[in-house]
Amino acid sequence: LEHTCAIQSGAVRCWGYGVDGNILGNGAWVPSMIVETPIASGATDLAVGQYHSCAVVSGNLYCWGSDSSGELGNGAPGDNAAPELILTGGVTKVTATNNTTCAIQSGALKCWGENTWGKLGDGTTANNQNPQTIIASG
């Protein structure tokens, strides 16, 4: 990984290499050896991929950083220099790998991003820029 993030009293703190896709979420495109705070309060879960990060905040999912394979889940290519709302309501967990992200929303498993070797679990090998329901709630 190129950066590190942690939750401290509901705030997301990130530091490290911030050039490629601004994985620090601080709105700047430079490395930072100081701690940045892309989310100030309400975070309950956090996932750090190689060049992107996502956080669950008050039941919503926010992601930021590199979007080389659709791992941000915002439906459009391009990096985000600050957290962007991806899923609204009912989000409890998030996980990330190099270029793939998955989250639990209202009991359903949703995944998006790079799909090499079918790692999204949707029966294809095509990358997807939007969250796809892989396992329905129930």
N, C-alpha and C. Protein backbone atom coordinates (compact mmCIF):
# COMPACT_ATOMS: atom_id res chain seq x y z
N LEU A 1 0.83 -1.18 0.00
CA LEU A 1 0.00 0.00 0.00
C LEU A 1 0.88 1.24 0.00
N GLU A 2 0.32 2.31 -0.53
CA GLU A 2 1.06 3.56 -0.65
C GLU A 2 0.71 4.56 0.44
N HIS A 3 -0.26 4.21 1.28
CA HIS A 3 -0.69 5.12 2.32
C HIS A 3 -1.31 4.33 3.46
N THR A 4 -1.57 5.02 4.55
CA THR A 4 -2.19 4.40 5.72
C THR A 4 -3.32 5.30 6.18
N CYS A 5 -4.42 4.68 6.63
CA CYS A 5 -5.53 5.43 7.20
C CYS A 5 -5.99 4.72 8.46
N ALA A 6 -6.59 5.47 9.36
CA ALA A 6 -7.14 4.93 10.59
C ALA A 6 -8.32 5.77 11.02
N ILE A 7 -9.20 5.19 11.84
CA ILE A 7 -10.30 5.93 12.43
C ILE A 7 -9.91 6.28 13.86
N GLN A 8 -10.04 7.55 14.21
CA GLN A 8 -9.76 8.02 15.57
C GLN A 8 -10.96 8.85 16.03
N SER A 9 -11.70 8.33 16.99
CA SER A 9 -12.88 9.03 17.52
C SER A 9 -13.82 9.48 16.41
N GLY A 10 -14.05 8.62 15.41
CA GLY A 10 -14.96 8.91 14.31
C GLY A 10 -14.36 9.68 13.16
N ALA A 11 -13.14 10.18 13.30
CA ALA A 11 -12.47 10.91 12.22
C ALA A 11 -11.55 9.96 11.46
N VAL A 12 -11.54 10.08 10.13
CA VAL A 12 -10.60 9.31 9.31
C VAL A 12 -9.33 10.12 9.17
N ARG A 13 -8.21 9.50 9.47
CA ARG A 13 -6.89 10.14 9.36
C ARG A 13 -6.06 9.34 8.36
N CYS A 14 -5.42 10.02 7.42
CA CYS A 14 -4.60 9.36 6.39
C CYS A 14 -3.26 10.07 6.24
N TRP A 15 -2.24 9.30 5.87
CA TRP A 15 -0.91 9.86 5.64
C TRP A 15 -0.14 8.95 4.70
N GLY A 16 0.89 9.49 4.06
CA GLY A 16 1.72 8.72 3.14
C GLY A 16 1.76 9.33 1.75
N TYR A 17 1.89 8.47 0.75
CA TYR A 17 2.03 8.90 -0.64
C TYR A 17 0.69 9.38 -1.17
N GLY A 18 0.59 10.65 -1.51
CA GLY A 18 -0.69 11.22 -1.90
C GLY A 18 -0.73 11.73 -3.31
N VAL A 19 0.18 11.33 -4.17
CA VAL A 19 0.24 11.89 -5.52
C VAL A 19 -0.71 11.19 -6.48
N ASP A 20 -0.68 9.87 -6.55
CA ASP A 20 -1.47 9.12 -7.52
C ASP A 20 -2.92 9.05 -7.09
N GLY A 21 -3.75 9.93 -7.63
CA GLY A 21 -5.16 9.91 -7.32
C GLY A 21 -5.51 10.52 -5.97
N ASN A 22 -4.55 11.19 -5.37
CA ASN A 22 -4.75 11.81 -4.07
C ASN A 22 -5.43 10.88 -3.08
N ILE A 23 -4.77 9.80 -2.78
CA ILE A 23 -5.32 8.79 -1.88
C ILE A 23 -5.48 9.28 -0.46
N LEU A 24 -4.98 10.45 -0.14
CA LEU A 24 -5.10 10.97 1.22
C LEU A 24 -6.42 11.70 1.46
N GLY A 25 -7.12 12.08 0.39
CA GLY A 25 -8.41 12.73 0.54
C GLY A 25 -8.35 14.14 1.07
N ASN A 26 -7.21 14.81 0.93
CA ASN A 26 -7.05 16.15 1.50
C ASN A 26 -7.22 17.27 0.48
N GLY A 27 -7.59 16.93 -0.75
CA GLY A 27 -7.79 17.94 -1.77
C GLY A 27 -6.53 18.40 -2.46
N ALA A 28 -5.37 17.91 -2.04
CA ALA A 28 -4.09 18.26 -2.68
C ALA A 28 -3.53 17.03 -3.39
N TRP A 29 -2.61 17.25 -4.30
CA TRP A 29 -2.05 16.15 -5.09
C TRP A 29 -0.58 15.97 -4.77
N VAL A 30 -0.22 16.01 -3.51
CA VAL A 30 1.18 15.89 -3.10
C VAL A 30 1.30 14.92 -1.92
N PRO A 31 2.47 14.31 -1.74
CA PRO A 31 2.67 13.46 -0.57
C PRO A 31 2.57 14.27 0.72
N SER A 32 2.23 13.59 1.80
CA SER A 32 2.13 14.27 3.08
C SER A 32 2.68 13.37 4.18
N MET A 33 3.62 13.88 4.92
CA MET A 33 4.14 13.13 6.06
C MET A 33 3.39 13.50 7.32
N ILE A 34 2.42 14.42 7.20
CA ILE A 34 1.58 14.75 8.33
C ILE A 34 0.22 14.09 8.13
N VAL A 35 -0.53 13.96 9.17
CA VAL A 35 -1.82 13.31 9.12
C VAL A 35 -2.86 14.24 8.52
N GLU A 36 -3.56 13.76 7.50
CA GLU A 36 -4.65 14.51 6.87
C GLU A 36 -5.97 13.95 7.40
N THR A 37 -7.04 14.74 7.36
CA THR A 37 -8.33 14.32 7.86
C THR A 37 -9.39 14.52 6.78
N PRO A 38 -9.57 13.52 5.89
CA PRO A 38 -10.57 13.67 4.84
C PRO A 38 -12.00 13.61 5.36
N ILE A 39 -12.23 12.94 6.50
CA ILE A 39 -13.55 12.86 7.10
C ILE A 39 -13.39 13.20 8.58
N ALA A 40 -14.11 14.23 9.03
CA ALA A 40 -13.89 14.76 10.38
C ALA A 40 -14.64 14.01 11.48
N SER A 41 -15.77 13.38 11.17
CA SER A 41 -16.52 12.71 12.22
C SER A 41 -17.51 11.70 11.64
N GLY A 42 -17.96 10.78 12.48
CA GLY A 42 -19.01 9.84 12.10
C GLY A 42 -18.56 8.56 11.42
N ALA A 43 -17.27 8.37 11.19
CA ALA A 43 -16.79 7.17 10.51
C ALA A 43 -16.86 5.96 11.44
N THR A 44 -17.37 4.84 10.91
CA THR A 44 -17.47 3.61 11.70
C THR A 44 -16.73 2.44 11.07
N ASP A 45 -16.37 2.53 9.79
CA ASP A 45 -15.60 1.48 9.14
C ASP A 45 -14.77 2.12 8.04
N LEU A 46 -13.67 1.46 7.69
CA LEU A 46 -12.70 2.05 6.77
C LEU A 46 -12.03 0.93 5.98
N ALA A 47 -11.77 1.18 4.70
CA ALA A 47 -11.03 0.25 3.86
C ALA A 47 -9.99 1.02 3.07
N VAL A 48 -8.79 0.45 2.96
CA VAL A 48 -7.70 1.09 2.25
C VAL A 48 -7.22 0.16 1.15
N GLY A 49 -7.37 0.58 -0.11
CA GLY A 49 -6.82 -0.14 -1.24
C GLY A 49 -5.43 0.40 -1.53
N GLN A 50 -4.85 -0.02 -2.63
CA GLN A 50 -3.50 0.45 -2.93
C GLN A 50 -3.48 1.96 -3.18
N TYR A 51 -4.42 2.46 -3.97
CA TYR A 51 -4.43 3.88 -4.32
C TYR A 51 -5.79 4.54 -4.06
N HIS A 52 -6.65 3.90 -3.29
CA HIS A 52 -7.93 4.51 -2.95
C HIS A 52 -8.34 4.10 -1.54
N SER A 53 -9.29 4.85 -0.99
CA SER A 53 -9.80 4.57 0.34
C SER A 53 -11.30 4.80 0.34
N CYS A 54 -11.99 4.11 1.26
CA CYS A 54 -13.43 4.29 1.43
C CYS A 54 -13.75 4.24 2.92
N ALA A 55 -14.78 4.97 3.31
CA ALA A 55 -15.19 4.98 4.72
C ALA A 55 -16.71 4.97 4.82
N VAL A 56 -17.20 4.25 5.82
CA VAL A 56 -18.62 4.28 6.16
C VAL A 56 -18.80 5.40 7.17
N VAL A 57 -19.69 6.34 6.83
CA VAL A 57 -19.94 7.50 7.68
C VAL A 57 -21.45 7.65 7.84
N SER A 58 -21.93 7.44 9.06
CA SER A 58 -23.36 7.56 9.36
C SER A 58 -24.21 6.75 8.39
N GLY A 59 -23.76 5.54 8.07
CA GLY A 59 -24.51 4.64 7.18
C GLY A 59 -24.36 4.90 5.70
N ASN A 60 -23.55 5.88 5.33
CA ASN A 60 -23.28 6.19 3.92
C ASN A 60 -21.85 5.80 3.60
N LEU A 61 -21.57 5.51 2.31
CA LEU A 61 -20.21 5.16 1.90
C LEU A 61 -19.61 6.27 1.08
N TYR A 62 -18.41 6.69 1.47
CA TYR A 62 -17.63 7.70 0.76
C TYR A 62 -16.33 7.06 0.29
N CYS A 63 -15.89 7.38 -0.94
CA CYS A 63 -14.61 6.88 -1.46
C CYS A 63 -13.83 8.03 -2.09
N TRP A 64 -12.50 7.88 -2.12
CA TRP A 64 -11.62 8.88 -2.72
C TRP A 64 -10.34 8.23 -3.17
N GLY A 65 -9.62 8.90 -4.09
CA GLY A 65 -8.34 8.42 -4.57
C GLY A 65 -8.36 8.07 -6.05
N SER A 66 -7.56 7.09 -6.42
CA SER A 66 -7.43 6.67 -7.82
C SER A 66 -8.65 5.87 -8.25
N ASP A 67 -9.01 6.01 -9.52
CA ASP A 67 -10.16 5.30 -10.07
C ASP A 67 -9.78 4.64 -11.39
N SER A 68 -8.64 3.99 -11.43
CA SER A 68 -8.13 3.41 -12.68
C SER A 68 -9.00 2.29 -13.21
N SER A 69 -9.74 1.59 -12.35
CA SER A 69 -10.55 0.45 -12.79
C SER A 69 -12.00 0.53 -12.32
N GLY A 70 -12.43 1.71 -11.88
CA GLY A 70 -13.79 1.88 -11.39
C GLY A 70 -13.95 1.60 -9.91
N GLU A 71 -12.82 1.50 -9.18
CA GLU A 71 -12.88 1.13 -7.76
C GLU A 71 -13.54 2.17 -6.85
N LEU A 72 -13.72 3.40 -7.33
CA LEU A 72 -14.42 4.38 -6.51
C LEU A 72 -15.93 4.16 -6.54
N GLY A 73 -16.45 3.58 -7.62
CA GLY A 73 -17.87 3.25 -7.68
C GLY A 73 -18.78 4.41 -8.00
N ASN A 74 -18.24 5.48 -8.56
CA ASN A 74 -19.07 6.65 -8.86
C ASN A 74 -19.61 6.69 -10.28
N GLY A 75 -19.37 5.63 -11.05
CA GLY A 75 -19.94 5.53 -12.40
C GLY A 75 -19.19 6.27 -13.47
N ALA A 76 -18.11 6.96 -13.13
CA ALA A 76 -17.37 7.72 -14.12
C ALA A 76 -15.88 7.57 -13.86
N PRO A 77 -15.07 7.45 -14.92
CA PRO A 77 -13.63 7.36 -14.70
C PRO A 77 -13.08 8.68 -14.20
N GLY A 78 -12.00 8.61 -13.48
CA GLY A 78 -11.34 9.81 -12.99
C GLY A 78 -11.14 9.77 -11.49
N ASP A 79 -9.98 10.26 -11.08
CA ASP A 79 -9.62 10.26 -9.67
C ASP A 79 -10.40 11.33 -8.90
N ASN A 80 -10.59 11.10 -7.61
CA ASN A 80 -11.25 12.08 -6.74
C ASN A 80 -10.27 12.56 -5.69
N ALA A 81 -10.12 13.87 -5.60
CA ALA A 81 -9.19 14.45 -4.63
C ALA A 81 -9.81 14.58 -3.24
N ALA A 82 -11.09 14.30 -3.11
CA ALA A 82 -11.77 14.41 -1.81
C ALA A 82 -12.85 13.33 -1.75
N PRO A 83 -13.31 12.97 -0.56
CA PRO A 83 -14.35 11.94 -0.43
C PRO A 83 -15.61 12.28 -1.23
N GLU A 84 -16.14 11.27 -1.91
CA GLU A 84 -17.37 11.42 -2.70
C GLU A 84 -18.38 10.38 -2.22
N LEU A 85 -19.64 10.78 -2.09
CA LEU A 85 -20.70 9.88 -1.67
C LEU A 85 -20.96 8.84 -2.76
N ILE A 86 -20.87 7.55 -2.39
CA ILE A 86 -21.04 6.46 -3.35
C ILE A 86 -22.33 5.69 -3.08
N LEU A 87 -22.59 5.31 -1.84
CA LEU A 87 -23.81 4.59 -1.47
C LEU A 87 -24.49 5.34 -0.33
N THR A 88 -25.80 5.49 -0.43
CA THR A 88 -26.56 6.23 0.56
C THR A 88 -27.40 5.29 1.42
N GLY A 89 -27.18 5.33 2.71
CA GLY A 89 -28.00 4.62 3.68
C GLY A 89 -27.75 3.13 3.79
N GLY A 90 -27.76 2.62 5.00
CA GLY A 90 -27.70 1.20 5.26
C GLY A 90 -26.35 0.53 5.10
N VAL A 91 -25.29 1.30 4.89
CA VAL A 91 -23.96 0.70 4.70
C VAL A 91 -23.36 0.43 6.08
N THR A 92 -22.88 -0.81 6.27
CA THR A 92 -22.29 -1.19 7.56
C THR A 92 -20.83 -1.58 7.47
N LYS A 93 -20.40 -2.12 6.33
CA LYS A 93 -19.02 -2.60 6.17
C LYS A 93 -18.51 -2.26 4.79
N VAL A 94 -17.18 -2.10 4.68
CA VAL A 94 -16.52 -1.87 3.41
C VAL A 94 -15.18 -2.59 3.42
N THR A 95 -14.76 -3.08 2.26
CA THR A 95 -13.44 -3.69 2.11
C THR A 95 -12.89 -3.29 0.74
N ALA A 96 -11.57 -3.26 0.63
CA ALA A 96 -10.95 -2.85 -0.63
C ALA A 96 -9.69 -3.66 -0.87
N THR A 97 -9.41 -3.93 -2.14
CA THR A 97 -8.15 -4.52 -2.56
C THR A 97 -7.46 -3.49 -3.45
N ASN A 98 -6.53 -3.93 -4.26
CA ASN A 98 -5.82 -2.97 -5.13
C ASN A 98 -6.77 -2.09 -5.90
N ASN A 99 -7.67 -2.67 -6.70
CA ASN A 99 -8.55 -1.89 -7.57
C ASN A 99 -10.00 -2.36 -7.50
N THR A 100 -10.39 -2.97 -6.40
CA THR A 100 -11.75 -3.48 -6.23
C THR A 100 -12.26 -3.06 -4.86
N THR A 101 -13.57 -2.78 -4.79
CA THR A 101 -14.20 -2.39 -3.53
C THR A 101 -15.49 -3.17 -3.37
N CYS A 102 -15.80 -3.59 -2.14
CA CYS A 102 -17.07 -4.23 -1.82
C CYS A 102 -17.61 -3.62 -0.54
N ALA A 103 -18.94 -3.60 -0.42
CA ALA A 103 -19.58 -3.06 0.78
C ALA A 103 -20.85 -3.85 1.07
N ILE A 104 -21.25 -3.85 2.33
CA ILE A 104 -22.53 -4.40 2.74
C ILE A 104 -23.49 -3.23 2.91
N GLN A 105 -24.59 -3.26 2.15
CA GLN A 105 -25.60 -2.22 2.24
C GLN A 105 -26.95 -2.88 2.47
N SER A 106 -27.58 -2.60 3.58
CA SER A 106 -28.87 -3.18 3.95
C SER A 106 -28.86 -4.70 3.81
N GLY A 107 -27.75 -5.32 4.20
CA GLY A 107 -27.62 -6.77 4.17
C GLY A 107 -27.21 -7.36 2.84
N ALA A 108 -27.12 -6.56 1.80
CA ALA A 108 -26.71 -7.04 0.47
C ALA A 108 -25.23 -6.75 0.24
N LEU A 109 -24.55 -7.69 -0.42
CA LEU A 109 -23.15 -7.50 -0.78
C LEU A 109 -23.09 -6.85 -2.15
N LYS A 110 -22.39 -5.70 -2.23
CA LYS A 110 -22.21 -4.98 -3.49
C LYS A 110 -20.72 -4.84 -3.75
N CYS A 111 -20.30 -5.03 -5.01
CA CYS A 111 -18.89 -4.91 -5.38
C CYS A 111 -18.76 -4.14 -6.69
N TRP A 112 -17.57 -3.55 -6.91
CA TRP A 112 -17.30 -2.79 -8.13
C TRP A 112 -15.79 -2.62 -8.28
N GLY A 113 -15.38 -2.24 -9.51
CA GLY A 113 -13.97 -2.01 -9.80
C GLY A 113 -13.41 -3.04 -10.75
N GLU A 114 -12.14 -3.36 -10.55
CA GLU A 114 -11.44 -4.31 -11.42
C GLU A 114 -12.03 -5.71 -11.26
N ASN A 115 -12.19 -6.40 -12.40
CA ASN A 115 -12.83 -7.72 -12.38
C ASN A 115 -11.97 -8.79 -13.03
N THR A 116 -10.65 -8.61 -13.00
CA THR A 116 -9.75 -9.63 -13.53
C THR A 116 -10.04 -10.94 -12.82
N TRP A 117 -10.08 -12.02 -13.56
CA TRP A 117 -10.35 -13.37 -13.04
C TRP A 117 -11.71 -13.48 -12.36
N GLY A 118 -12.63 -12.53 -12.63
CA GLY A 118 -13.97 -12.61 -12.07
C GLY A 118 -14.05 -12.29 -10.60
N LYS A 119 -13.13 -11.49 -10.09
CA LYS A 119 -13.08 -11.27 -8.64
C LYS A 119 -14.22 -10.43 -8.09
N LEU A 120 -15.06 -9.82 -8.95
CA LEU A 120 -16.24 -9.14 -8.45
C LEU A 120 -17.34 -10.13 -8.07
N GLY A 121 -17.28 -11.33 -8.63
CA GLY A 121 -18.30 -12.34 -8.32
C GLY A 121 -19.59 -12.16 -9.06
N ASP A 122 -19.57 -11.40 -10.16
CA ASP A 122 -20.80 -11.15 -10.91
C ASP A 122 -20.95 -12.04 -12.15
N GLY A 123 -20.08 -13.04 -12.30
CA GLY A 123 -20.17 -13.96 -13.42
C GLY A 123 -19.52 -13.48 -14.70
N THR A 124 -18.81 -12.32 -14.64
CA THR A 124 -18.11 -11.79 -15.81
C THR A 124 -16.67 -11.50 -15.44
N THR A 125 -15.91 -11.01 -16.42
CA THR A 125 -14.56 -10.53 -16.16
C THR A 125 -14.42 -9.06 -16.55
N ALA A 126 -15.56 -8.38 -16.76
CA ALA A 126 -15.54 -6.96 -17.14
C ALA A 126 -15.49 -6.08 -15.90
N ASN A 127 -14.64 -5.05 -15.95
CA ASN A 127 -14.60 -4.07 -14.87
C ASN A 127 -15.96 -3.37 -14.77
N ASN A 128 -16.29 -2.88 -13.59
CA ASN A 128 -17.56 -2.19 -13.43
C ASN A 128 -17.34 -0.95 -12.56
N GLN A 129 -17.81 0.20 -13.04
CA GLN A 129 -17.63 1.48 -12.34
C GLN A 129 -18.77 1.78 -11.38
N ASN A 130 -19.76 0.89 -11.31
CA ASN A 130 -20.91 1.10 -10.45
C ASN A 130 -21.07 -0.07 -9.50
N PRO A 131 -21.54 0.17 -8.28
CA PRO A 131 -21.81 -0.93 -7.36
C PRO A 131 -22.84 -1.89 -7.94
N GLN A 132 -22.51 -3.19 -7.89
CA GLN A 132 -23.39 -4.24 -8.39
C GLN A 132 -23.77 -5.15 -7.23
N THR A 133 -25.04 -5.52 -7.12
CA THR A 133 -25.45 -6.46 -6.09
C THR A 133 -24.94 -7.85 -6.46
N ILE A 134 -24.10 -8.42 -5.60
CA ILE A 134 -23.54 -9.73 -5.84
C ILE A 134 -24.33 -10.79 -5.07
N ILE A 135 -24.69 -10.48 -3.84
CA ILE A 135 -25.54 -11.35 -3.03
C ILE A 135 -26.62 -10.47 -2.42
N ALA A 136 -27.87 -10.78 -2.74
CA ALA A 136 -28.99 -10.00 -2.23
C ALA A 136 -29.15 -10.20 -0.74
N SER A 137 -29.78 -9.26 -0.08
CA SER A 137 -30.02 -9.39 1.36
C SER A 137 -31.04 -10.50 1.58
N GLY A 138 -30.97 -11.06 2.77
CA GLY A 138 -31.99 -12.06 3.08
C GLY A 138 -31.43 -13.22 3.69
